């Protein structure tokens, strides 16, 4: 005999509790993901948000199945479809749980396990419904029990639930659940196939909260030479620097590379993420590895600002600075090249970049943005390309880009302003240059006397002298003029760096087709120039 139409039963109440749990999870993790209060972030909170979104819909389906199985007037149509679907979702849940447990994200794994609430409700009560309808058919009892007193609107609502709600939610949960699981499996496989090469050192800046920073050092640990520390380009994991690190270590130098917070194997760390925090974290990590200096600071791309900042914060342990195709506040330089000097236009531009990083951060737990081999032409060493790609595919990569960009991509540049000296500022103003930076600090008094800090500036030929053919159609011509304007600005920026950073400076240009990827396409040439200058 069928029950009265109600879901106020034990399974119905449990379903409502799971529904509330997932709703709270959606609200909490959506709010946390947009909260920039000073705190340590454990992982990408949008992963948990998406799991709760899928869980909310899945439990809603479970309540629908329970209501139909308990109903004396309605039936669960196609119960076999529900059985197959809910069995698949149960398997998906177990796979998702196992994936995140294997990579050490226990919080995400626990939330994944809550998906069993909705999937088991669907599975158990769709099986009960099918068994009940089978018994009805044996006893020749009609199981389309639509009572006459039902109104037209009630029938319309029931039809909507039977067809639109059912198939739309099944499609939604299956698609989003599939991609959540796919990302989890990829993530776990990548972490298993390509373990961290270096040490994940626990660091703390404010002496309360801590996170792990990944530092990989290679080369002789006992040497009379300073340790080379390479700061990476924005948005790049440490694998970008493997070729240069290997080339330098083959020259009997000790070389340390690291992942800034959230990239590669480093945990997300603090938000808001300040460059000063990063510098202090790196210094703590190096000391924990018993590498207390002295150092040669090398900066690739935006890493050049971190190399300079480290030198200003810890001047007594730095014996030289190398800038590898490095230009400060690059977005602002490009805006200046295009005469985008109005505040509103520039703000719109950096806002669009920030929104782009945020959108990628939101969808990164869904496996929709895994790079291809062709995205890294000329990458070396070739055998590390898959590892390199895997580090762009973590849940935290785009979150790290969003945190580091921090609305303008200028935080390291702004941090350097605190060390600005009047002579350098006056000189740059006399050159009608809109950007300023401090000269590098002079070495502390030593015996014998040391001249100004040795600095090496390396530029890629294709970055500042590529040129182009502006005789094509209007679109080609415009792109060419844009490229030329940007190259002119970067070339002048390089020249002003050479004129102001130190009196003990050398400038070289990587020749031929050498482009911004020179740290791996021309690693031996770059390392040769570095060793020739710094010794």
Protein backbone atom coordinates (compact mmCIF):
# COMPACT_ATOMS: atom_id res chain seq x y z
CA UNK A 1 0.00 0.00 0.00
CA UNK A 2 1.35 3.42 -0.96
CA UNK A 3 2.09 6.15 1.59
CA UNK A 4 0.34 9.47 1.82
CA UNK A 5 1.99 12.11 -0.35
CA UNK A 6 4.64 13.65 1.90
CA UNK A 7 8.40 13.99 2.33
CA UNK A 8 8.10 14.66 6.06
CA UNK A 9 9.73 11.33 6.75
CA UNK A 10 13.16 10.37 8.06
CA UNK A 11 14.75 10.40 4.56
CA UNK A 12 12.95 13.63 3.75
CA UNK A 13 14.18 15.34 6.91
CA UNK A 14 17.73 14.08 6.30
CA UNK A 15 17.49 15.44 2.78
CA UNK A 16 16.44 18.86 4.06
CA UNK A 17 19.38 18.87 6.49
CA UNK A 18 21.78 18.11 3.64
CA UNK A 19 20.10 20.81 1.56
CA UNK A 20 20.67 23.38 4.31
CA UNK A 21 24.26 22.17 4.73
CA UNK A 22 25.03 22.70 1.04
CA UNK A 23 23.27 26.07 0.98
CA UNK A 24 25.36 27.24 3.92
CA UNK A 25 28.47 25.89 2.18
CA UNK A 26 27.70 27.86 -0.98
CA UNK A 27 27.19 31.08 0.98
CA UNK A 28 30.22 30.64 3.26
CA UNK A 29 32.75 29.72 0.57
CA UNK A 30 31.46 32.32 -1.88
CA UNK A 31 31.92 34.93 0.85
CA UNK A 32 35.35 33.63 1.89
CA UNK A 33 36.57 33.59 -1.71
CA UNK A 34 35.85 37.31 -2.02
CA UNK A 35 37.17 38.21 1.45
CA UNK A 36 40.50 40.04 1.22
CA UNK A 37 40.98 40.39 4.98
CA UNK A 38 44.52 39.50 6.06
CA UNK A 39 44.47 35.72 6.50
CA UNK A 40 46.08 32.51 5.29
CA UNK A 41 44.26 30.72 2.46
CA UNK A 42 44.49 26.92 2.42
CA UNK A 43 43.25 26.23 -1.11
CA UNK A 44 40.94 27.52 -3.83
CA UNK A 45 37.68 28.07 -1.97
CA UNK A 46 35.72 27.98 -5.22
CA UNK A 47 36.39 24.23 -5.34
CA UNK A 48 34.30 23.77 -2.20
CA UNK A 49 31.71 26.22 -3.49
CA UNK A 50 31.24 24.19 -6.70
CA UNK A 51 31.01 20.94 -4.74
CA UNK A 52 28.25 22.48 -2.64
CA UNK A 53 26.42 23.78 -5.73
CA UNK A 54 26.40 20.27 -7.20
CA UNK A 55 25.45 18.85 -3.80
CA UNK A 56 22.54 21.28 -3.43
CA UNK A 57 21.05 20.26 -6.78
CA UNK A 58 21.74 16.57 -6.11
CA UNK A 59 19.92 16.68 -2.76
CA UNK A 60 17.02 18.54 -4.42
CA UNK A 61 16.80 15.62 -6.82
CA UNK A 62 16.92 13.21 -3.88
CA UNK A 63 13.99 14.97 -2.21
CA UNK A 64 12.06 14.81 -5.48
CA UNK A 65 12.67 11.04 -5.75
CA UNK A 66 11.66 10.52 -2.10
CA UNK A 67 8.47 12.56 -2.61
CA UNK A 68 7.50 10.49 -5.64
CA UNK A 69 8.26 7.16 -3.97
CA UNK A 70 6.17 8.14 -0.94
CA UNK A 71 3.32 9.56 -3.02
CA UNK A 72 -0.04 7.83 -3.40
CA UNK A 73 -0.98 9.98 -6.39
CA UNK A 74 2.24 10.48 -8.37
CA UNK A 75 4.90 8.15 -9.67
CA UNK A 76 8.60 8.39 -10.36
CA UNK A 77 8.88 8.17 -14.10
CA UNK A 78 11.80 6.20 -15.59
CA UNK A 79 13.10 4.89 -12.25
CA UNK A 80 15.73 2.86 -14.13
CA UNK A 81 17.25 6.12 -15.42
CA UNK A 82 17.37 7.43 -11.87
CA UNK A 83 19.04 4.24 -10.65
CA UNK A 84 21.76 4.40 -13.31
CA UNK A 85 22.26 8.14 -12.86
CA UNK A 86 22.48 8.01 -9.06
CA UNK A 87 24.83 5.01 -9.20
CA UNK A 88 27.14 7.00 -11.50
CA UNK A 89 27.02 9.99 -9.16
CA UNK A 90 27.84 7.74 -6.19
CA UNK A 91 30.90 6.47 -8.05
CA UNK A 92 31.82 10.06 -9.00
CA UNK A 93 31.60 11.06 -5.34
CA UNK A 94 33.93 8.29 -4.20
CA UNK A 95 36.41 9.18 -6.96
CA UNK A 96 36.30 12.87 -6.05
CA UNK A 97 36.84 12.08 -2.37
CA UNK A 98 39.79 9.78 -3.14
CA UNK A 99 41.38 12.36 -5.46
CA UNK A 100 41.47 15.16 -2.92
CA UNK A 101 42.49 12.89 -0.05
CA UNK A 102 45.47 11.77 -2.13
CA UNK A 103 46.69 15.36 -2.65
CA UNK A 104 46.28 16.25 1.02
CA UNK A 105 43.25 18.56 0.70
CA UNK A 106 41.23 16.88 3.45
CA UNK A 107 38.73 19.75 3.78
CA UNK A 108 37.78 19.50 0.11
CA UNK A 109 37.64 15.70 0.39
CA UNK A 110 35.18 15.87 3.31
CA UNK A 111 32.92 18.19 1.34
CA UNK A 112 33.11 15.81 -1.61
CA UNK A 113 31.92 13.01 0.67
CA UNK A 114 28.76 14.97 1.52
CA UNK A 115 27.62 14.41 -2.07
CA UNK A 116 26.79 10.87 -0.98
CA UNK A 117 23.75 12.27 0.83
CA UNK A 118 21.98 13.30 -2.36
CA UNK A 119 23.24 10.46 -4.55
CA UNK A 120 22.24 7.75 -2.04
CA UNK A 121 18.80 9.30 -1.55
CA UNK A 122 18.29 9.12 -5.31
CA UNK A 123 19.70 5.60 -5.56
CA UNK A 124 17.89 3.97 -2.64
CA UNK A 125 14.46 5.48 -3.27
CA UNK A 126 14.52 5.09 -7.03
CA UNK A 127 15.28 1.39 -6.43
CA UNK A 128 12.41 1.19 -3.93
CA UNK A 129 10.10 2.90 -6.39
CA UNK A 130 11.04 0.49 -9.19
CA UNK A 131 10.51 -2.50 -6.93
CA UNK A 132 7.13 -1.14 -5.78
CA UNK A 133 5.95 -0.52 -9.33
CA UNK A 134 7.07 -4.03 -10.30
CA UNK A 135 4.94 -5.48 -7.48
CA UNK A 136 2.01 -3.29 -8.58
CA UNK A 137 2.26 -4.63 -12.12
CA UNK A 138 2.23 -8.25 -10.88
CA UNK A 139 -0.88 -7.51 -8.83
CA UNK A 140 -2.42 -5.69 -11.79
CA UNK A 141 -2.59 -2.40 -9.85
CA UNK A 142 -2.34 0.69 -12.10
CA UNK A 143 0.66 2.73 -11.02
CA UNK A 144 -0.30 5.99 -12.75
CA UNK A 145 -2.45 7.00 -9.78
CA UNK A 146 -3.62 10.45 -10.79
CA UNK A 147 -6.62 11.35 -8.63
CA UNK A 148 -9.57 13.12 -10.19
CA UNK A 149 -9.63 15.97 -7.71
CA UNK A 150 -6.21 17.22 -8.79
CA UNK A 151 -6.47 20.65 -10.39
CA UNK A 152 -5.05 21.69 -13.71
CA UNK A 153 -2.33 23.86 -12.11
CA UNK A 154 -1.27 20.94 -9.93
CA UNK A 155 -0.94 18.76 -13.01
CA UNK A 156 1.13 21.47 -14.72
CA UNK A 157 3.48 21.69 -11.75
CA UNK A 158 3.77 17.92 -11.67
CA UNK A 159 4.52 17.82 -15.40
CA UNK A 160 7.16 20.51 -14.99
CA UNK A 161 8.84 18.53 -12.20
CA UNK A 162 8.63 15.25 -14.13
CA UNK A 163 10.24 16.58 -17.28
CA UNK A 164 11.87 20.02 -17.07
CA UNK A 165 13.21 19.81 -13.51
CA UNK A 166 14.34 16.21 -13.83
CA UNK A 167 16.23 16.45 -17.11
CA UNK A 168 17.68 19.92 -16.56
CA UNK A 169 19.05 19.00 -13.13
CA UNK A 170 20.35 15.62 -14.30
CA UNK A 171 22.21 17.32 -17.13
CA UNK A 172 23.56 20.03 -14.80
CA UNK A 173 24.77 17.65 -12.09
CA UNK A 174 26.19 15.13 -14.55
CA UNK A 175 28.16 17.74 -16.51
CA UNK A 176 29.46 19.72 -13.54
CA UNK A 177 30.04 16.59 -11.49
CA UNK A 178 31.96 15.00 -14.36
CA UNK A 179 34.29 17.97 -14.73
CA UNK A 180 34.82 18.29 -10.98
CA UNK A 181 35.84 14.64 -10.90
CA UNK A 182 37.98 14.97 -14.04
CA UNK A 183 39.89 17.88 -12.49
CA UNK A 184 40.29 15.95 -9.24
CA UNK A 185 41.66 12.88 -11.05
CA UNK A 186 43.99 15.00 -13.21
CA UNK A 187 45.17 16.91 -10.15
CA UNK A 188 45.85 13.72 -8.18
CA UNK A 189 47.58 12.04 -11.15
CA UNK A 190 49.78 15.09 -11.77
CA UNK A 191 50.78 15.31 -8.11
CA UNK A 192 51.60 11.61 -8.11
CA UNK A 193 53.53 11.63 -11.39
CA UNK A 194 55.44 14.86 -10.77
CA UNK A 195 56.30 15.25 -7.07
CA UNK A 196 57.87 18.42 -5.73
CA UNK A 197 61.58 18.56 -6.50
CA UNK A 198 62.45 20.83 -3.61
CA UNK A 199 61.49 21.35 0.01
CA UNK A 200 58.10 22.69 1.09
CA UNK A 201 59.29 24.86 3.95
CA UNK A 202 56.85 26.11 6.59
CA UNK A 203 57.16 29.88 6.88
CA UNK A 204 55.40 32.55 8.91
CA UNK A 205 55.53 36.31 8.55
CA UNK A 206 53.26 37.41 11.39
CA UNK A 207 54.44 34.67 13.81
CA UNK A 208 50.96 33.14 14.07
CA UNK A 209 49.71 31.80 10.75
CA UNK A 210 52.01 29.78 8.52
CA UNK A 211 52.05 28.18 5.09
CA UNK A 212 54.48 26.10 3.04
CA UNK A 213 56.74 27.69 0.43
CA UNK A 214 58.37 25.45 -2.17
CA UNK A 215 62.12 26.08 -2.62
CA UNK A 216 64.34 23.97 -4.87
CA UNK A 217 68.11 24.35 -4.58
CA UNK A 218 70.64 22.64 -6.82
CA UNK A 219 74.42 22.70 -7.01
CA UNK A 220 77.27 22.38 -4.52
CA UNK A 221 76.20 23.20 -0.97
CA UNK A 222 79.72 24.17 0.10
CA UNK A 223 81.30 26.79 -2.14
CA UNK A 224 83.13 30.09 -1.91
CA UNK A 225 80.61 31.57 -4.35
CA UNK A 226 77.32 33.24 -3.36
CA UNK A 227 74.06 31.37 -3.88
CA UNK A 228 72.05 32.44 -6.92
CA UNK A 229 68.37 32.98 -6.12
CA UNK A 230 66.07 33.37 -9.14
CA UNK A 231 62.73 35.17 -8.88
CA UNK A 232 60.28 34.05 -11.54
CA UNK A 233 58.06 35.85 -14.03
CA UNK A 234 54.49 36.54 -12.91
CA UNK A 235 52.14 33.63 -13.47
CA UNK A 236 54.93 31.06 -13.86
CA UNK A 237 55.74 27.97 -11.77
CA UNK A 238 59.30 27.07 -10.86
CA UNK A 239 59.64 24.66 -13.81
CA UNK A 240 60.05 27.72 -16.07
CA UNK A 241 63.50 28.16 -14.52
CA UNK A 242 64.72 24.55 -14.53
CA UNK A 243 66.86 24.97 -17.66
CA UNK A 244 68.59 28.10 -16.35
CA UNK A 245 69.06 26.55 -12.92
CA UNK A 246 70.60 23.44 -14.45
CA UNK A 247 72.91 25.48 -16.68
CA UNK A 248 74.16 27.57 -13.75
CA UNK A 249 74.60 24.56 -11.46
CA UNK A 250 76.62 22.84 -14.19
CA UNK A 251 79.02 25.79 -13.85
CA UNK A 252 79.56 24.80 -10.21
CA UNK A 253 77.15 27.40 -8.79
CA UNK A 254 74.48 26.81 -6.16
CA UNK A 255 71.11 27.95 -7.48
CA UNK A 256 67.77 28.21 -5.66
CA UNK A 257 64.43 28.70 -7.39
CA UNK A 258 61.06 28.86 -5.71
CA UNK A 259 57.32 29.07 -6.28
CA UNK A 260 55.69 32.26 -5.09
CA UNK A 261 52.55 31.63 -2.99
CA UNK A 262 49.91 29.60 -4.83
CA UNK A 263 52.08 28.67 -7.79
CA UNK A 264 53.49 25.21 -8.40
CA UNK A 265 53.99 23.45 -5.07
CA UNK A 266 53.68 26.46 -2.76
CA UNK A 267 50.51 26.87 -0.72
CA UNK A 268 48.39 29.99 -1.41
CA UNK A 269 49.66 31.80 1.67
CA UNK A 270 48.46 35.22 2.76
CA UNK A 271 45.71 37.32 1.29
CA UNK A 272 46.04 40.15 0.68
CA UNK A 273 49.36 38.99 -0.75
CA UNK A 274 51.98 41.70 -0.37
CA UNK A 275 55.40 41.50 -2.06
CA UNK A 276 57.05 42.30 1.28
CA UNK A 277 55.40 39.19 2.79
CA UNK A 278 56.76 37.13 -0.11
CA UNK A 279 60.28 38.48 0.42
CA UNK A 280 60.20 37.76 4.16
CA UNK A 281 58.80 34.27 3.48
CA UNK A 282 61.59 33.51 1.03
CA UNK A 283 64.27 34.72 3.45
CA UNK A 284 62.81 32.55 6.21
CA UNK A 285 62.71 29.54 3.90
CA UNK A 286 66.32 29.97 2.75
CA UNK A 287 67.51 30.24 6.34
CA UNK A 288 65.51 27.13 7.26
CA UNK A 289 67.44 25.33 4.52
CA UNK A 290 70.70 26.58 6.09
CA UNK A 291 71.42 28.88 3.16
CA UNK A 292 71.95 32.24 4.87
CA UNK A 293 73.78 33.96 2.04
CA UNK A 294 75.41 35.83 0.57
CA UNK A 295 73.17 35.82 -2.50
CA UNK A 296 73.12 36.97 -6.09
CA UNK A 297 69.52 38.00 -6.78
CA UNK A 298 68.31 37.23 -10.32
CA UNK A 299 64.89 38.37 -11.51
CA UNK A 300 63.16 37.12 -14.65
CA UNK A 301 60.39 39.36 -15.96
CA UNK A 302 58.29 40.66 -13.09
CA UNK A 303 60.62 38.72 -10.81
CA UNK A 304 63.10 41.56 -11.32
CA UNK A 305 61.04 43.74 -9.00
CA UNK A 306 61.17 41.02 -6.33
CA UNK A 307 64.96 40.73 -6.79
CA UNK A 308 65.34 44.48 -6.27
CA UNK A 309 62.93 44.48 -3.34
CA UNK A 310 64.80 41.65 -1.61
CA UNK A 311 68.02 43.63 -2.06
CA UNK A 312 66.53 46.74 -0.43
CA UNK A 313 65.03 44.77 2.47
CA UNK A 314 68.14 42.64 3.10
CA UNK A 315 71.05 44.67 1.68
CA UNK A 316 73.72 43.04 3.86
CA UNK A 317 73.32 39.58 2.28
CA UNK A 318 73.08 40.52 -1.42
CA UNK A 319 76.26 40.77 -3.49
CA UNK A 320 74.73 41.37 -6.92
CA UNK A 321 71.50 41.74 -8.89
CA UNK A 322 70.64 40.44 -12.36
CA UNK A 323 67.56 41.55 -14.31
CA UNK A 324 66.56 39.17 -17.11
CA UNK A 325 64.20 40.82 -19.62
CA UNK A 326 62.68 42.61 -16.65
CA UNK A 327 60.60 45.79 -16.86
CA UNK A 328 58.76 47.24 -13.84
CA UNK A 329 55.00 47.70 -13.81
CA UNK A 330 54.70 46.31 -17.34
CA UNK A 331 50.96 46.97 -17.76
CA UNK A 332 51.54 50.64 -16.97
CA UNK A 333 54.44 50.72 -19.46
CA UNK A 334 52.21 49.34 -22.20
CA UNK A 335 49.48 51.82 -21.30
CA UNK A 336 52.04 54.63 -21.54
CA UNK A 337 53.21 53.31 -24.93
CA UNK A 338 49.64 53.55 -26.23
CA UNK A 339 49.10 57.04 -24.74
CA UNK A 340 46.56 55.53 -22.37
CA UNK A 341 47.44 58.17 -19.81
CA UNK A 342 43.92 58.93 -18.60
CA UNK A 343 43.15 57.41 -15.23
CA UNK A 344 39.76 56.09 -16.33
CA UNK A 345 41.12 54.25 -19.39
CA UNK A 346 43.95 52.68 -17.42
CA UNK A 347 41.65 51.69 -14.56
CA UNK A 348 39.28 50.05 -17.04
CA UNK A 349 42.16 48.09 -18.54
CA UNK A 350 43.61 46.75 -15.27
CA UNK A 351 40.09 46.01 -14.04
CA UNK A 352 39.45 43.87 -17.13
CA UNK A 353 42.71 41.97 -16.55
CA UNK A 354 41.84 41.40 -12.90
CA UNK A 355 38.34 40.21 -13.81
CA UNK A 356 39.84 37.81 -16.34
CA UNK A 357 42.08 36.25 -13.70
CA UNK A 358 39.15 36.06 -11.29
CA UNK A 359 36.94 34.30 -13.85
CA UNK A 360 39.69 31.74 -14.51
CA UNK A 361 40.07 31.29 -10.76
CA UNK A 362 36.34 30.55 -10.40
CA UNK A 363 36.27 27.85 -13.08
CA UNK A 364 39.72 26.34 -12.44
CA UNK A 365 38.28 23.44 -10.34
CA UNK A 366 36.34 22.34 -13.44
CA UNK A 367 39.21 21.09 -15.70
CA UNK A 368 38.22 23.47 -18.51
CA UNK A 369 41.56 25.23 -18.95
CA UNK A 370 44.37 22.72 -19.12
CA UNK A 371 47.17 24.14 -21.35
CA UNK A 372 48.44 22.38 -24.47
CA UNK A 373 52.01 21.56 -25.46
CA UNK A 374 51.87 24.28 -28.13
CA UNK A 375 51.34 26.93 -25.45
CA UNK A 376 55.05 26.69 -24.53
CA UNK A 377 57.07 26.74 -27.77
CA UNK A 378 60.72 25.83 -27.32
CA UNK A 379 60.31 24.75 -23.70
CA UNK A 380 63.41 23.12 -22.24
CA UNK A 381 64.13 20.59 -20.88
CA UNK A 382 61.63 18.82 -23.15
CA UNK A 383 61.27 15.91 -20.75
CA UNK A 384 59.82 18.30 -18.16
CA UNK A 385 57.11 19.76 -20.41
CA UNK A 386 54.29 17.60 -19.01
CA UNK A 387 55.33 18.51 -15.49
CA UNK A 388 55.36 22.18 -16.49
CA UNK A 389 51.85 21.92 -17.96
CA UNK A 390 50.58 20.14 -14.85
CA UNK A 391 51.56 23.09 -12.64
CA UNK A 392 49.45 25.45 -14.76
CA UNK A 393 46.49 23.12 -14.21
CA UNK A 394 46.22 23.12 -10.43
CA UNK A 395 43.19 24.56 -8.64
CA UNK A 396 45.42 27.27 -7.16
CA UNK A 397 47.27 28.57 -10.24
CA UNK A 398 44.73 31.16 -11.41
CA UNK A 399 43.93 32.09 -7.84
CA UNK A 400 47.63 32.86 -7.38
CA UNK A 401 47.59 35.02 -10.51
CA UNK A 402 44.54 36.89 -9.23
CA UNK A 403 46.05 37.43 -5.77
CA UNK A 404 49.41 38.51 -7.18
CA UNK A 405 47.88 40.90 -9.71
CA UNK A 406 45.77 42.38 -6.89
CA UNK A 407 43.79 44.74 -9.07
CA UNK A 408 46.67 46.41 -10.90
CA UNK A 409 49.73 44.18 -11.28
CA UNK A 410 51.74 46.96 -9.64
CA UNK A 411 52.19 45.90 -5.99
CA UNK A 412 55.90 45.07 -6.26
CA UNK A 413 56.47 48.35 -8.11
CA UNK A 414 54.60 50.20 -5.37
CA UNK A 415 56.59 48.41 -2.66
CA UNK A 416 59.82 49.64 -4.26
CA UNK A 417 58.62 53.24 -3.93
CA UNK A 418 59.22 53.04 -0.20
CA UNK A 419 62.97 52.88 -0.90
CA UNK A 420 63.06 55.66 -3.48
CA UNK A 421 65.98 58.11 -3.33
CA UNK A 422 65.77 61.75 -4.35
CA UNK A 423 68.70 61.74 -6.80
CA UNK A 424 67.26 58.91 -8.90
CA UNK A 425 63.78 60.42 -8.78
CA UNK A 426 65.07 63.83 -9.92
CA UNK A 427 67.02 62.23 -12.77
CA UNK A 428 63.98 60.29 -14.03
CA UNK A 429 61.79 63.37 -13.80
CA UNK A 430 64.39 65.30 -15.84
CA UNK A 431 64.10 62.58 -18.49
CA UNK A 432 60.31 63.16 -18.55
CA UNK A 433 59.81 59.54 -17.52
CA UNK A 434 56.53 58.90 -15.65
CA UNK A 435 57.84 55.97 -13.59
CA UNK A 436 60.30 55.97 -10.71
CA UNK A 437 62.31 53.44 -8.74
CA UNK A 438 65.20 53.54 -6.28
CA UNK A 439 68.83 53.00 -7.11
CA UNK A 440 70.07 49.75 -5.62
CA UNK A 441 71.69 50.16 -2.19
CA UNK A 442 75.44 50.43 -1.98
CA UNK A 443 77.21 47.52 -0.30
CA UNK A 444 78.03 47.95 3.34
CA UNK A 445 81.63 49.07 4.10
CA UNK A 446 84.07 46.25 3.55
CA UNK A 447 87.78 45.61 3.47
CA UNK A 448 88.91 45.81 0.76
CA UNK A 449 86.55 48.53 -0.45
CA UNK A 450 83.72 47.29 -2.70
CA UNK A 451 82.40 49.54 -5.50
CA UNK A 452 78.71 49.92 -6.24
CA UNK A 453 76.64 46.74 -6.22
CA UNK A 454 77.31 44.79 -9.44
CA UNK A 455 74.22 44.69 -11.64
CA UNK A 456 73.60 42.83 -14.90
CA UNK A 457 70.74 43.84 -17.22
CA UNK A 458 69.84 41.27 -19.90
CA UNK A 459 67.31 42.13 -22.60
CA UNK A 460 65.86 39.79 -25.23
CA UNK A 461 66.31 41.04 -28.79
CA UNK A 462 62.75 40.15 -29.77
CA UNK A 463 61.38 42.08 -26.79
CA UNK A 464 62.96 45.44 -27.61
CA UNK A 465 64.11 45.23 -31.26
CA UNK A 466 61.80 42.84 -33.07
CA UNK A 467 60.42 45.35 -35.54
CA UNK A 468 57.59 44.52 -37.95
CA UNK A 469 56.15 45.28 -41.37
CA UNK A 470 53.56 48.05 -41.16
CA UNK A 471 52.65 48.00 -44.86
CA UNK A 472 49.87 45.40 -44.61
CA UNK A 473 46.15 45.96 -44.16
CA UNK A 474 44.86 48.28 -41.47
CA UNK A 475 44.60 45.60 -38.79
CA UNK A 476 48.15 44.38 -39.42
CA UNK A 477 49.44 47.94 -39.57
CA UNK A 478 47.76 48.86 -36.27
CA UNK A 479 49.17 45.78 -34.54
CA UNK A 480 52.60 46.60 -35.92
CA UNK A 481 52.46 50.20 -34.72
CA UNK A 482 51.36 48.96 -31.31
CA UNK A 483 54.26 46.50 -31.15
CA UNK A 484 56.76 49.16 -32.17
CA UNK A 485 55.44 51.59 -29.55
CA UNK A 486 55.70 48.95 -26.83
CA UNK A 487 59.23 47.97 -27.91
CA UNK A 488 60.35 51.60 -27.86
CA UNK A 489 59.05 52.07 -24.33
CA UNK A 490 60.65 48.84 -23.08
CA UNK A 491 63.96 49.77 -24.72
CA UNK A 492 63.93 53.17 -23.04
CA UNK A 493 63.01 51.58 -19.74
CA UNK A 494 66.03 49.27 -20.09
CA UNK A 495 68.29 52.25 -20.81
CA UNK A 496 67.03 54.15 -17.77
CA UNK A 497 67.57 51.11 -15.57
CA UNK A 498 71.16 51.01 -16.77
CA UNK A 499 71.59 54.73 -16.07
CA UNK A 500 70.19 54.69 -12.54
CA UNK A 501 70.38 51.35 -10.72
CA UNK A 502 74.14 51.27 -10.11
CA UNK A 503 77.46 52.69 -11.30
CA UNK A 504 78.75 49.13 -11.52
CA UNK A 505 76.40 47.84 -14.20
CA UNK A 506 76.60 45.89 -17.45
CA UNK A 507 73.91 45.69 -20.13
CA UNK A 508 73.75 42.87 -22.71
CA UNK A 509 71.24 41.82 -25.33
CA UNK A 510 70.38 38.23 -26.16
CA UNK A 511 70.86 38.16 -29.96
CA UNK A 512 68.93 36.82 -32.94
CA UNK A 513 65.53 35.28 -32.35
CA UNK A 514 65.97 35.37 -28.58
CA UNK A 515 62.58 36.31 -27.07
CA UNK A 516 61.09 36.61 -23.60
CA UNK A 517 61.36 32.83 -23.12
CA UNK A 518 65.16 33.13 -23.08
CA UNK A 519 65.43 31.53 -19.63
CA UNK A 520 64.75 28.16 -21.26
CA UNK A 521 65.30 28.72 -25.00
CA UNK A 522 68.72 30.37 -24.46
CA UNK A 523 69.55 29.17 -20.95
CA UNK A 524 73.23 28.43 -21.63
CA UNK A 525 73.81 31.87 -23.15
CA UNK A 526 72.08 33.57 -20.20
CA UNK A 527 73.99 31.56 -17.59
CA UNK A 528 77.27 32.30 -19.37
CA UNK A 529 76.64 36.05 -19.20
CA UNK A 530 75.67 35.78 -15.53
CA UNK A 531 78.78 33.85 -14.51
CA UNK A 532 81.07 36.06 -16.62
CA UNK A 533 79.82 39.16 -14.80
CA UNK A 534 79.36 37.96 -11.24
CA UNK A 535 82.20 35.43 -11.25
